[in-house]
Structure formats: C-alpha cells, structure tokens
Amino acid sequence: MLFLVRMDVHIPHDLPADQANEIKAREKAYSQDLQRDGRWPHIWRVVGEYANYSVFDVASNDELHQLLQGLPLFPFMKISVTPLARHPSAI
C-alpha cells in the first residue's frame, strides 16, 4: 500500500541544542534504515520549510502508523497521510 505523507517538524526553541541534535541523528538513522529496506522509497524536502513529503510502501495502515510513531521526531511533528491508488491513466 502506498501513502503520501507530509511531515512538518516543530522542535521547541527551548530544547537544548545537544538534545535536538541527538534526536535528529537518531531520526536520520531510523529513516535511512526504512529507505534501505524499501518501506520509505521517496523523501523530498519542502523548500523553505522544516517539512518533507514522503512516500511509504507498507503492508497496512497499522504498519504505517507504527513506523511514523517510531520516528524520534514524532513528538514534534504534525503529520498528514494520504492513501494512494494507481491512476488509470498512468503508464
């Protein structure tokens, strides 16, 4: 199942820089593991924002929910999910 996911990150300004950097490092490692195993095949930065659009390829809604909750930055994110279906005009 394919999902388009927008993630907007809002790290509190009063979070100590070393703590924020540690969370970001864990986030990068986690996301790259999911990219390598094929469940996160696409990620694009939104220009001028601390946000991204990503495509996830997972077996179920529950799997996507579990992966998103596992993101180290999850507590600081606003996430919107759009399920995708193949368009009949796609080649």
Protein backbone atom coordinates (compact mmCIF):
# COMPACT_ATOMS: atom_id res chain seq x y z
CA MET A 1 0.00 0.00 0.00
CA LEU A 2 1.32 3.42 -0.93
CA PHE A 3 0.88 6.52 1.21
CA LEU A 4 1.88 10.13 0.66
CA VAL A 5 2.90 11.61 4.00
CA ARG A 6 3.64 15.24 4.80
CA MET A 7 5.66 15.82 7.95
CA ASP A 8 6.01 19.31 9.43
CA VAL A 9 8.59 19.48 12.21
CA HIS A 10 8.26 21.94 15.10
CA ILE A 11 11.14 21.48 17.54
CA PRO A 12 10.65 23.73 20.58
CA HIS A 13 13.10 26.64 20.63
CA ASP A 14 13.92 25.96 24.27
CA LEU A 15 15.01 22.35 23.63
CA PRO A 16 18.78 22.24 24.31
CA ALA A 17 20.78 22.08 21.06
CA ASP A 18 22.67 18.92 22.09
CA GLN A 19 19.38 17.13 22.79
CA ALA A 20 17.87 18.31 19.48
CA ASN A 21 20.97 17.20 17.59
CA GLU A 22 20.85 13.75 19.20
CA ILE A 23 17.19 13.34 18.25
CA LYS A 24 17.94 14.44 14.67
CA ALA A 25 20.80 11.92 14.42
CA ARG A 26 18.50 9.09 15.57
CA GLU A 27 15.84 10.31 13.12
CA LYS A 28 18.31 10.19 10.22
CA ALA A 29 19.46 6.66 11.08
CA TYR A 30 15.87 5.42 11.51
CA SER A 31 14.68 6.96 8.24
CA GLN A 32 17.67 5.68 6.29
CA ASP A 33 17.08 2.13 7.57
CA LEU A 34 13.48 2.35 6.30
CA GLN A 35 14.70 3.75 2.98
CA ARG A 36 17.19 0.91 2.59
CA ASP A 37 14.58 -1.78 3.26
CA GLY A 38 12.19 -0.21 0.72
CA ARG A 39 9.39 0.91 3.01
CA TRP A 40 10.31 4.61 2.58
CA PRO A 41 11.17 4.81 -1.12
CA HIS A 42 10.88 8.60 -1.55
CA ILE A 43 11.54 11.66 0.58
CA TRP A 44 11.56 15.27 -0.59
CA ARG A 45 12.29 18.44 1.34
CA VAL A 46 9.75 21.29 1.15
CA VAL A 47 11.76 24.34 0.13
CA GLY A 48 11.90 26.99 2.83
CA GLU A 49 10.20 24.86 5.49
CA TYR A 50 11.24 22.27 8.05
CA ALA A 51 8.97 19.77 6.33
CA ASN A 52 9.00 16.92 3.86
CA TYR A 53 6.80 14.90 1.58
CA SER A 54 7.48 11.19 1.66
CA VAL A 55 6.08 8.09 0.01
CA PHE A 56 5.79 4.98 2.15
CA ASP A 57 5.25 1.50 0.73
CA VAL A 58 3.90 -0.66 3.55
CA ALA A 59 1.54 -3.60 4.03
CA SER A 60 -1.14 -1.84 6.06
CA ASN A 61 -2.42 1.30 7.79
CA ASP A 62 -1.26 -0.18 11.07
CA GLU A 63 2.29 -0.70 9.80
CA LEU A 64 2.46 2.92 8.61
CA HIS A 65 1.15 4.14 11.95
CA GLN A 66 3.76 2.08 13.80
CA LEU A 67 6.59 3.40 11.59
CA LEU A 68 5.50 7.01 11.99
CA GLN A 69 5.17 6.67 15.78
CA GLY A 70 8.70 5.24 15.82
CA LEU A 71 10.19 8.42 14.36
CA PRO A 72 12.35 10.08 17.01
CA LEU A 73 10.96 13.47 15.93
CA PHE A 74 7.35 12.19 16.08
CA PRO A 75 6.51 14.18 19.25
CA PHE A 76 7.48 17.36 17.39
CA MET A 77 5.62 16.66 14.13
CA LYS A 78 2.33 17.46 12.51
CA ILE A 79 1.70 14.61 10.08
CA SER A 80 -0.89 14.25 7.33
CA VAL A 81 -1.39 10.99 5.45
CA THR A 82 -2.98 10.44 2.04
CA PRO A 83 -3.55 6.86 0.80
CA LEU A 84 -2.61 6.45 -2.86
CA ALA A 85 -4.09 4.29 -5.60
CA ARG A 86 -2.81 3.75 -9.12
CA HIS A 87 -4.31 6.22 -11.59
CA PRO A 88 -6.00 4.60 -14.60
CA SER A 89 -4.10 6.89 -16.99
CA ALA A 90 -0.68 6.04 -15.56
CA ILE A 91 1.73 4.30 -17.92
